[in-house]
PDB file of N, CA and C in Angstrom:
ATOM      1  N   MET A   1      -1.003  14.810   2.490  1.00  0.00           N
ATOM      2  CA  MET A   1      -1.822  14.153   1.488  1.00  0.00           C
ATOM      3  C   MET A   1      -2.073  12.715   1.955  1.00  0.00           C
ATOM      4  N   ARG A   2      -3.279  12.221   1.723  1.00  0.00           N
ATOM      5  CA  ARG A   2      -3.656  10.859   2.114  1.00  0.00           C
ATOM      6  C   ARG A   2      -4.189  10.111   0.907  1.00  0.00           C
ATOM      7  N   LEU A   3      -3.818   8.830   0.789  1.00  0.00           N
ATOM      8  CA  LEU A   3      -4.232   8.029  -0.353  1.00  0.00           C
ATOM      9  C   LEU A   3      -4.524   6.606   0.098  1.00  0.00           C
ATOM     10  N   ARG A   4      -5.549   6.024  -0.488  1.00  0.00           N
ATOM     11  CA  ARG A   4      -5.878   4.605  -0.279  1.00  0.00           C
ATOM     12  C   ARG A   4      -5.874   3.941  -1.636  1.00  0.00           C
ATOM     13  N   LEU A   5      -5.136   2.838  -1.750  1.00  0.00           N
ATOM     14  CA  LEU A   5      -5.061   2.089  -3.001  1.00  0.00           C
ATOM     15  C   LEU A   5      -5.599   0.689  -2.801  1.00  0.00           C
ATOM     16  N   LEU A   6      -6.289   0.190  -3.809  1.00  0.00           N
ATOM     17  CA  LEU A   6      -6.715  -1.203  -3.894  1.00  0.00           C
ATOM     18  C   LEU A   6      -5.972  -1.791  -5.084  1.00  0.00           C
ATOM     19  N   ILE A   7      -5.080  -2.736  -4.801  1.00  0.00           N
ATOM     20  CA  ILE A   7      -4.151  -3.234  -5.805  1.00  0.00           C
ATOM     21  C   ILE A   7      -4.530  -4.667  -6.157  1.00  0.00           C
ATOM     22  N   SER A   8      -4.669  -4.946  -7.447  1.00  0.00           N
ATOM     23  CA  SER A   8      -5.061  -6.286  -7.874  1.00  0.00           C
ATOM     24  C   SER A   8      -4.058  -6.840  -8.874  1.00  0.00           C
ATOM     25  N   GLY A   9      -4.120  -8.143  -9.049  1.00  0.00           N
ATOM     26  CA  GLY A   9      -3.187  -8.878  -9.896  1.00  0.00           C
ATOM     27  C   GLY A   9      -2.594 -10.005  -9.076  1.00  0.00           C
ATOM     28  N   ARG A  10      -1.369 -10.376  -9.378  1.00  0.00           N
ATOM     29  CA  ARG A  10      -0.673 -11.364  -8.539  1.00  0.00           C
ATOM     30  C   ARG A  10       0.064 -10.577  -7.463  1.00  0.00           C
ATOM     31  N   VAL A  11      -0.642 -10.299  -6.362  1.00  0.00           N
ATOM     32  CA  VAL A  11      -0.120  -9.416  -5.324  1.00  0.00           C
ATOM     33  C   VAL A  11      -0.143 -10.050  -3.928  1.00  0.00           C
ATOM     34  N   GLN A  12      -0.597 -11.285  -3.829  1.00  0.00           N
ATOM     35  CA  GLN A  12      -0.553 -11.996  -2.545  1.00  0.00           C
ATOM     36  C   GLN A  12       0.372 -13.190  -2.691  1.00  0.00           C
ATOM     37  N   GLY A  13       1.161 -13.433  -1.645  1.00  0.00           N
ATOM     38  CA  GLY A  13       2.097 -14.550  -1.664  1.00  0.00           C
ATOM     39  C   GLY A  13       3.391 -14.256  -2.398  1.00  0.00           C
ATOM     40  N   VAL A  14       3.650 -12.988  -2.670  1.00  0.00           N
ATOM     41  CA  VAL A  14       4.867 -12.603  -3.410  1.00  0.00           C
ATOM     42  C   VAL A  14       5.673 -11.535  -2.671  1.00  0.00           C
ATOM     43  N   GLY A  15       5.383 -11.305  -1.384  1.00  0.00           N
ATOM     44  CA  GLY A  15       6.115 -10.303  -0.613  1.00  0.00           C
ATOM     45  C   GLY A  15       5.655  -8.878  -0.848  1.00  0.00           C
ATOM     46  N   PHE A  16       4.446  -8.733  -1.369  1.00  0.00           N
ATOM     47  CA  PHE A  16       3.956  -7.397  -1.712  1.00  0.00           C
ATOM     48  C   PHE A  16       3.793  -6.511  -0.479  1.00  0.00           C
ATOM     49  N   ARG A  17       3.198  -7.051   0.581  1.00  0.00           N
ATOM     50  CA  ARG A  17       2.983  -6.233   1.787  1.00  0.00           C
ATOM     51  C   ARG A  17       4.304  -5.784   2.390  1.00  0.00           C
ATOM     52  N   ALA A  18       5.261  -6.680   2.479  1.00  0.00           N
ATOM     53  CA  ALA A  18       6.574  -6.309   3.028  1.00  0.00           C
ATOM     54  C   ALA A  18       7.231  -5.244   2.162  1.00  0.00           C
ATOM     55  N   PHE A  19       7.110  -5.369   0.847  1.00  0.00           N
ATOM     56  CA  PHE A  19       7.653  -4.381  -0.084  1.00  0.00           C
ATOM     57  C   PHE A  19       7.034  -3.008   0.156  1.00  0.00           C
ATOM     58  N   VAL A  20       5.706  -2.950   0.257  1.00  0.00           N
ATOM     59  CA  VAL A  20       5.019  -1.671   0.458  1.00  0.00           C
ATOM     60  C   VAL A  20       5.409  -1.053   1.803  1.00  0.00           C
ATOM     61  N   ALA A  21       5.436  -1.873   2.861  1.00  0.00           N
ATOM     62  CA  ALA A  21       5.799  -1.356   4.180  1.00  0.00           C
ATOM     63  C   ALA A  21       7.228  -0.819   4.181  1.00  0.00           C
ATOM     64  N   ARG A  22       8.156  -1.533   3.568  1.00  0.00           N
ATOM     65  CA  ARG A  22       9.552  -1.084   3.497  1.00  0.00           C
ATOM     66  C   ARG A  22       9.659   0.239   2.730  1.00  0.00           C
ATOM     67  N   GLU A  23       8.988   0.317   1.600  1.00  0.00           N
ATOM     68  CA  GLU A  23       9.004   1.559   0.801  1.00  0.00           C
ATOM     69  C   GLU A  23       8.362   2.705   1.591  1.00  0.00           C
ATOM     70  N   GLY A  24       7.226   2.436   2.231  1.00  0.00           N
ATOM     71  CA  GLY A  24       6.534   3.466   3.000  1.00  0.00           C
ATOM     72  C   GLY A  24       7.372   3.997   4.145  1.00  0.00           C
ATOM     73  N   ARG A  25       8.022   3.087   4.866  1.00  0.00           N
ATOM     74  CA  ARG A  25       8.901   3.519   5.969  1.00  0.00           C
ATOM     75  C   ARG A  25      10.064   4.338   5.439  1.00  0.00           C
ATOM     76  N   GLY A  26      10.641   3.899   4.339  1.00  0.00           N
ATOM     77  CA  GLY A  26      11.761   4.619   3.737  1.00  0.00           C
ATOM     78  C   GLY A  26      11.396   6.026   3.300  1.00  0.00           C
ATOM     79  N   LEU A  27      10.153   6.215   2.940  1.00  0.00           N
ATOM     80  CA  LEU A  27       9.670   7.536   2.513  1.00  0.00           C
ATOM     81  C   LEU A  27       9.140   8.368   3.676  1.00  0.00           C
ATOM     82  N   GLY A  28       9.139   7.781   4.875  1.00  0.00           N
ATOM     83  CA  GLY A  28       8.675   8.503   6.053  1.00  0.00           C
ATOM     84  C   GLY A  28       7.168   8.669   6.132  1.00  0.00           C
ATOM     85  N   LEU A  29       6.421   7.751   5.526  1.00  0.00           N
ATOM     86  CA  LEU A  29       4.967   7.844   5.507  1.00  0.00           C
ATOM     87  C   LEU A  29       4.338   7.102   6.682  1.00  0.00           C
ATOM     88  N   ALA A  30       3.183   7.560   7.095  1.00  0.00           N
ATOM     89  CA  ALA A  30       2.343   6.860   8.056  1.00  0.00           C
ATOM     90  C   ALA A  30       1.358   6.028   7.250  1.00  0.00           C
ATOM     91  N   GLY A  31       1.013   4.836   7.737  1.00  0.00           N
ATOM     92  CA  GLY A  31       0.021   4.070   7.011  1.00  0.00           C
ATOM     93  C   GLY A  31       0.071   2.598   7.303  1.00  0.00           C
ATOM     94  N   PHE A  32      -0.642   1.841   6.462  1.00  0.00           N
ATOM     95  CA  PHE A  32      -0.698   0.386   6.623  1.00  0.00           C
ATOM     96  C   PHE A  32      -0.939  -0.274   5.277  1.00  0.00           C
ATOM     97  N   VAL A  33      -0.673  -1.571   5.254  1.00  0.00           N
ATOM     98  CA  VAL A  33      -0.936  -2.398   4.080  1.00  0.00           C
ATOM     99  C   VAL A  33      -1.463  -3.730   4.597  1.00  0.00           C
ATOM    100  N   ARG A  34      -2.415  -4.333   3.868  1.00  0.00           N
ATOM    101  CA  ARG A  34      -2.940  -5.631   4.259  1.00  0.00           C
ATOM    102  C   ARG A  34      -3.526  -6.344   3.051  1.00  0.00           C
ATOM    103  N   ASN A  35      -3.598  -7.668   3.150  1.00  0.00           N
ATOM    104  CA  ASN A  35      -4.269  -8.479   2.145  1.00  0.00           C
ATOM    105  C   ASN A  35      -5.764  -8.395   2.372  1.00  0.00           C
ATOM    106  N   LEU A  36      -6.527  -8.439   1.296  1.00  0.00           N
ATOM    107  CA  LEU A  36      -7.982  -8.532   1.374  1.00  0.00           C
ATOM    108  C   LEU A  36      -8.402  -9.939   0.969  1.00  0.00           C
ATOM    109  N   ARG A  37      -9.521 -10.370   1.479  1.00  0.00           N
ATOM    110  CA  ARG A  37      -9.996 -11.730   1.211  1.00  0.00           C
ATOM    111  C   ARG A  37     -10.278 -11.984  -0.271  1.00  0.00           C
ATOM    112  N   ASP A  38     -10.529 -10.927  -1.020  1.00  0.00           N
ATOM    113  CA  ASP A  38     -10.844 -11.104  -2.445  1.00  0.00           C
ATOM    114  C   ASP A  38      -9.603 -11.190  -3.331  1.00  0.00           C
ATOM    115  N   GLY A  39      -8.411 -11.238  -2.724  1.00  0.00           N
ATOM    116  CA  GLY A  39      -7.174 -11.387  -3.493  1.00  0.00           C
ATOM    117  C   GLY A  39      -6.433 -10.097  -3.758  1.00  0.00           C
ATOM    118  N   ARG A  40      -7.048  -8.969  -3.435  1.00  0.00           N
ATOM    119  CA  ARG A  40      -6.371  -7.681  -3.608  1.00  0.00           C
ATOM    120  C   ARG A  40      -5.559  -7.336  -2.370  1.00  0.00           C
ATOM    121  N   VAL A  41      -4.731  -6.301  -2.500  1.00  0.00           N
ATOM    122  CA  VAL A  41      -4.008  -5.723  -1.379  1.00  0.00           C
ATOM    123  C   VAL A  41      -4.519  -4.298  -1.207  1.00  0.00           C
ATOM    124  N   GLU A  42      -4.745  -3.909   0.045  1.00  0.00           N
ATOM    125  CA  GLU A  42      -5.166  -2.551   0.373  1.00  0.00           C
ATOM    126  C   GLU A  42      -3.994  -1.843   1.037  1.00  0.00           C
ATOM    127  N   ALA A  43      -3.710  -0.632   0.608  1.00  0.00           N
ATOM    128  CA  ALA A  43      -2.681   0.198   1.242  1.00  0.00           C
ATOM    129  C   ALA A  43      -3.263   1.590   1.441  1.00  0.00           C
ATOM    130  N   GLU A  44      -3.099   2.116   2.642  1.00  0.00           N
ATOM    131  CA  GLU A  44      -3.538   3.477   2.923  1.00  0.00           C
ATOM    132  C   GLU A  44      -2.396   4.188   3.633  1.00  0.00           C
ATOM    133  N   PHE A  45      -2.076   5.376   3.153  1.00  0.00           N
ATOM    134  CA  PHE A  45      -0.908   6.072   3.671  1.00  0.00           C
ATOM    135  C   PHE A  45      -1.048   7.577   3.502  1.00  0.00           C
ATOM    136  N   ALA A  46      -0.253   8.302   4.298  1.00  0.00           N
ATOM    137  CA  ALA A  46      -0.328   9.761   4.284  1.00  0.00           C
ATOM    138  C   ALA A  46       1.045  10.339   4.581  1.00  0.00           C
ATOM    139  N   GLY A  47       1.243  11.548   4.078  1.00  0.00           N
ATOM    140  CA  GLY A  47       2.491  12.266   4.308  1.00  0.00           C
ATOM    141  C   GLY A  47       2.676  13.327   3.261  1.00  0.00           C
ATOM    142  N   ASP A  48       3.920  13.705   3.044  1.00  0.00           N
ATOM    143  CA  ASP A  48       4.283  14.687   2.035  1.00  0.00           C
ATOM    144  C   ASP A  48       3.777  14.222   0.659  1.00  0.00           C
ATOM    145  N   ALA A  49       3.244  15.149  -0.129  1.00  0.00           N
ATOM    146  CA  ALA A  49       2.648  14.793  -1.418  1.00  0.00           C
ATOM    147  C   ALA A  49       3.626  14.060  -2.332  1.00  0.00           C
ATOM    148  N   ALA A  50       4.880  14.478  -2.370  1.00  0.00           N
ATOM    149  CA  ALA A  50       5.877  13.826  -3.228  1.00  0.00           C
ATOM    150  C   ALA A  50       6.137  12.393  -2.762  1.00  0.00           C
ATOM    151  N   ALA A  51       6.184  12.175  -1.462  1.00  0.00           N
ATOM    152  CA  ALA A  51       6.405  10.834  -0.916  1.00  0.00           C
ATOM    153  C   ALA A  51       5.196   9.943  -1.173  1.00  0.00           C
ATOM    154  N   VAL A  52       3.997  10.474  -1.029  1.00  0.00           N
ATOM    155  CA  VAL A  52       2.781   9.714  -1.311  1.00  0.00           C
ATOM    156  C   VAL A  52       2.768   9.294  -2.781  1.00  0.00           C
ATOM    157  N   GLU A  53       3.119  10.193  -3.670  1.00  0.00           N
ATOM    158  CA  GLU A  53       3.164   9.876  -5.098  1.00  0.00           C
ATOM    159  C   GLU A  53       4.232   8.818  -5.389  1.00  0.00           C
ATOM    160  N   ALA A  54       5.370   8.903  -4.723  1.00  0.00           N
ATOM    161  CA  ALA A  54       6.431   7.913  -4.922  1.00  0.00           C
ATOM    162  C   ALA A  54       5.953   6.519  -4.502  1.00  0.00           C
ATOM    163  N   LEU A  55       5.223   6.418  -3.388  1.00  0.00           N
ATOM    164  CA  LEU A  55       4.718   5.119  -2.962  1.00  0.00           C
ATOM    165  C   LEU A  55       3.597   4.645  -3.886  1.00  0.00           C
ATOM    166  N   ARG A  56       2.792   5.540  -4.386  1.00  0.00           N
ATOM    167  CA  ARG A  56       1.755   5.146  -5.356  1.00  0.00           C
ATOM    168  C   ARG A  56       2.401   4.497  -6.578  1.00  0.00           C
ATOM    169  N   ARG A  57       3.472   5.105  -7.080  1.00  0.00           N
ATOM    170  CA  ARG A  57       4.185   4.539  -8.235  1.00  0.00           C
ATOM    171  C   ARG A  57       4.807   3.186  -7.899  1.00  0.00           C
ATOM    172  N   ALA A  58       5.377   3.071  -6.690  1.00  0.00           N
ATOM    173  CA  ALA A  58       5.974   1.800  -6.273  1.00  0.00           C
ATOM    174  C   ALA A  58       4.903   0.707  -6.193  1.00  0.00           C
ATOM    175  N   CYS A  59       3.724   1.038  -5.679  1.00  0.00           N
ATOM    176  CA  CYS A  59       2.629   0.066  -5.597  1.00  0.00           C
ATOM    177  C   CYS A  59       2.170  -0.366  -6.980  1.00  0.00           C
ATOM    178  N   ALA A  60       2.186   0.535  -7.928  1.00  0.00           N
ATOM    179  CA  ALA A  60       1.775   0.204  -9.292  1.00  0.00           C
ATOM    180  C   ALA A  60       2.787  -0.712  -9.974  1.00  0.00           C
ATOM    181  N   ARG A  61       4.023  -0.705  -9.497  1.00  0.00           N
ATOM    182  CA  ARG A  61       5.093  -1.544 -10.047  1.00  0.00           C
ATOM    183  C   ARG A  61       5.170  -2.869  -9.287  1.00  0.00           C
ATOM    184  N   GLY A  62       5.210  -2.793  -7.955  1.00  0.00           N
ATOM    185  CA  GLY A  62       5.311  -3.974  -7.106  1.00  0.00           C
ATOM    186  C   GLY A  62       6.708  -4.554  -7.070  1.00  0.00           C
ATOM    187  N   PRO A  63       6.910  -5.539  -6.196  1.00  0.00           N
ATOM    188  CA  PRO A  63       8.216  -6.198  -6.078  1.00  0.00           C
ATOM    189  C   PRO A  63       8.403  -7.232  -7.187  1.00  0.00           C
ATOM    190  N   ASP A  64       9.623  -7.743  -7.301  1.00  0.00           N
ATOM    191  CA  ASP A  64       9.869  -8.854  -8.224  1.00  0.00           C
ATOM    192  C   ASP A  64       8.938 -10.000  -7.858  1.00  0.00           C
ATOM    193  N   GLY A  65       8.369 -10.639  -8.835  1.00  0.00           N
ATOM    194  CA  GLY A  65       7.459 -11.750  -8.598  1.00  0.00           C
ATOM    195  C   GLY A  65       5.996 -11.344  -8.595  1.00  0.00           C
ATOM    196  N   ALA A  66       5.724 -10.070  -8.418  1.00  0.00           N
ATOM    197  CA  ALA A  66       4.338  -9.584  -8.446  1.00  0.00           C
ATOM    198  C   ALA A  66       3.979  -9.186  -9.876  1.00  0.00           C
ATOM    199  N   ARG A  67       2.697  -9.188 -10.141  1.00  0.00           N
ATOM    200  CA  ARG A  67       2.196  -8.667 -11.414  1.00  0.00           C
ATOM    201  C   ARG A  67       0.986  -7.797 -11.087  1.00  0.00           C
ATOM    202  N   VAL A  68       1.196  -6.502 -11.077  1.00  0.00           N
ATOM    203  CA  VAL A  68       0.121  -5.567 -10.746  1.00  0.00           C
ATOM    204  C   VAL A  68      -0.706  -5.316 -12.002  1.00  0.00           C
ATOM    205  N   GLU A  69      -1.989  -5.621 -11.916  1.00  0.00           N
ATOM    206  CA  GLU A  69      -2.908  -5.355 -13.021  1.00  0.00           C
ATOM    207  C   GLU A  69      -3.577  -3.997 -12.853  1.00  0.00           C
ATOM    208  N   ARG A  70      -3.895  -3.656 -11.594  1.00  0.00           N
ATOM    209  CA  ARG A  70      -4.550  -2.373 -11.307  1.00  0.00           C
ATOM    210  C   ARG A  70      -4.096  -1.886  -9.943  1.00  0.00           C
ATOM    211  N   ALA A  71      -4.022  -0.583  -9.806  1.00  0.00           N
ATOM    212  CA  ALA A  71      -3.774   0.065  -8.510  1.00  0.00           C
ATOM    213  C   ALA A  71      -4.716   1.256  -8.467  1.00  0.00           C
ATOM    214  N   ASP A  72      -5.941   0.989  -8.020  1.00  0.00           N
ATOM    215  CA  ASP A  72      -7.010   1.984  -8.058  1.00  0.00           C
ATOM    216  C   ASP A  72      -7.075   2.794  -6.772  1.00  0.00           C
ATOM    217  N   ALA A  73      -7.169   4.098  -6.913  1.00  0.00           N
ATOM    218  CA  ALA A  73      -7.386   4.969  -5.758  1.00  0.00           C
ATOM    219  C   ALA A  73      -8.822   4.782  -5.290  1.00  0.00           C
ATOM    220  N   ALA A  74      -9.013   4.774  -3.983  1.00  0.00           N
ATOM    221  CA  ALA A  74     -10.335   4.618  -3.379  1.00  0.00           C
ATOM    222  C   ALA A  74     -10.474   5.645  -2.263  1.00  0.00           C
ATOM    223  N   ALA A  75     -11.687   5.837  -1.804  1.00  0.00           N
ATOM    224  CA  ALA A  75     -11.923   6.782  -0.714  1.00  0.00           C
ATOM    225  C   ALA A  75     -11.165   6.331   0.525  1.00  0.00           C
ATOM    226  N   ALA A  76     -10.469   7.267   1.153  1.00  0.00           N
ATOM    227  CA  ALA A  76      -9.713   6.968   2.367  1.00  0.00           C
ATOM    228  C   ALA A  76     -10.665   6.748   3.531  1.00  0.00           C
ATOM    229  N   SER A  77     -10.249   5.913   4.467  1.00  0.00           N
ATOM    230  CA  SER A  77     -11.069   5.690   5.653  1.00  0.00           C
ATOM    231  C   SER A  77     -11.003   6.918   6.556  1.00  0.00           C
ATOM    232  N   ALA A  78     -11.903   6.994   7.489  1.00  0.00           N
ATOM    233  CA  ALA A  78     -11.945   8.132   8.405  1.00  0.00           C
ATOM    234  C   ALA A  78     -11.033   7.922   9.611  1.00  0.00           C
ATOM    235  N   GLY A  79     -10.516   6.716   9.774  1.00  0.00           N
ATOM    236  CA  GLY A  79      -9.708   6.391  10.942  1.00  0.00           C
ATOM    237  C   GLY A  79      -8.336   7.042  10.928  1.00  0.00           C
ATOM    238  N   THR A  80      -7.709   7.001  12.083  1.00  0.00           N
ATOM    239  CA  THR A  80      -6.358   7.511  12.241  1.00  0.00           C
ATOM    240  C   THR A  80      -5.366   6.477  11.746  1.00  0.00           C
ATOM    241  N   LEU A  81      -4.350   6.917  11.030  1.00  0.00           N
ATOM    242  CA  LEU A  81      -3.320   6.009  10.549  1.00  0.00           C
ATOM    243  C   LEU A  81      -2.246   5.810  11.610  1.00  0.00           C
ATOM    244  N   PRO A  82      -1.604   4.635  11.630  1.00  0.00           N
ATOM    245  CA  PRO A  82      -0.506   4.434  12.568  1.00  0.00           C
ATOM    246  C   PRO A  82       0.648   5.381  12.240  1.00  0.00           C
ATOM    247  N   ALA A  83       1.424   5.755  13.247  1.00  0.00           N
ATOM    248  CA  ALA A  83       2.518   6.712  13.058  1.00  0.00           C
ATOM    249  C   ALA A  83       3.603   6.161  12.140  1.00  0.00           C
ATOM    250  N   THR A  84       3.872   4.869  12.224  1.00  0.00           N
ATOM    251  CA  THR A  84       4.844   4.251  11.324  1.00  0.00           C
ATOM    252  C   THR A  84       4.109   3.265  10.443  1.00  0.00           C
ATOM    253  N   PHE A  85       4.677   2.972   9.302  1.00  0.00           N
ATOM    254  CA  PHE A  85       4.014   2.102   8.337  1.00  0.00           C
ATOM    255  C   PHE A  85       3.994   0.676   8.869  1.00  0.00           C
ATOM    256  N   GLU A  86       2.821   0.047   8.861  1.00  0.00           N
ATOM    257  CA  GLU A  86       2.710  -1.300   9.405  1.00  0.00           C
ATOM    258  C   GLU A  86       1.993  -2.246   8.449  1.00  0.00           C
ATOM    259  N   VAL A  87       2.294  -3.519   8.617  1.00  0.00           N
ATOM    260  CA  VAL A  87       1.584  -4.590   7.911  1.00  0.00           C
ATOM    261  C   VAL A  87       0.487  -5.047   8.862  1.00  0.00           C
ATOM    262  N   ARG A  88      -0.745  -5.017   8.388  1.00  0.00           N
ATOM    263  CA  ARG A  88      -1.888  -5.421   9.210  1.00  0.00           C
ATOM    264  C   ARG A  88      -2.344  -6.820   8.850  1.00  0.00           C
ATOM    265  N   ARG A  89      -3.104  -7.402   9.767  1.00  0.00           N
ATOM    266  CA  ARG A  89      -3.707  -8.712   9.513  1.00  0.00           C
ATOM    267  C   ARG A  89      -4.648  -8.600   8.318  1.00  0.00           C
ATOM    268  N   ASP A  90      -4.879  -9.715   7.690  1.00  0.00           N
ATOM    269  CA  ASP A  90      -5.772  -9.741   6.530  1.00  0.00           C
ATOM    270  C   ASP A  90      -7.136  -9.194   6.894  1.00  0.00           C
ATOM    271  N   GLY A  91      -7.750  -8.504   5.925  1.00  0.00           N
ATOM    272  CA  GLY A  91      -9.058  -7.899   6.191  1.00  0.00           C
ATOM    273  C   GLY A  91     -10.135  -8.383   5.289  1.00  0.00           C
TER     274      GLY A  91
END
């Protein structure tokens, strides 16, 4: 299963990307997370359906200090995902 989330709220400058990458690696997912110029965070990941759902829930909650207002599913990109979960440069 593959999912792309666009997460908004107070999600930059609070360790959100590191949180998502740590959770994704722990769940054995392939994917990436990055900040967007408009203040949102983008995360795209794939793997076992239960693990993908667990990371979706974690993204909707966020780390301490974050305030997630929305975590909207969006169309996944056509590109190949990295084998291990990575933090990418801002996009």
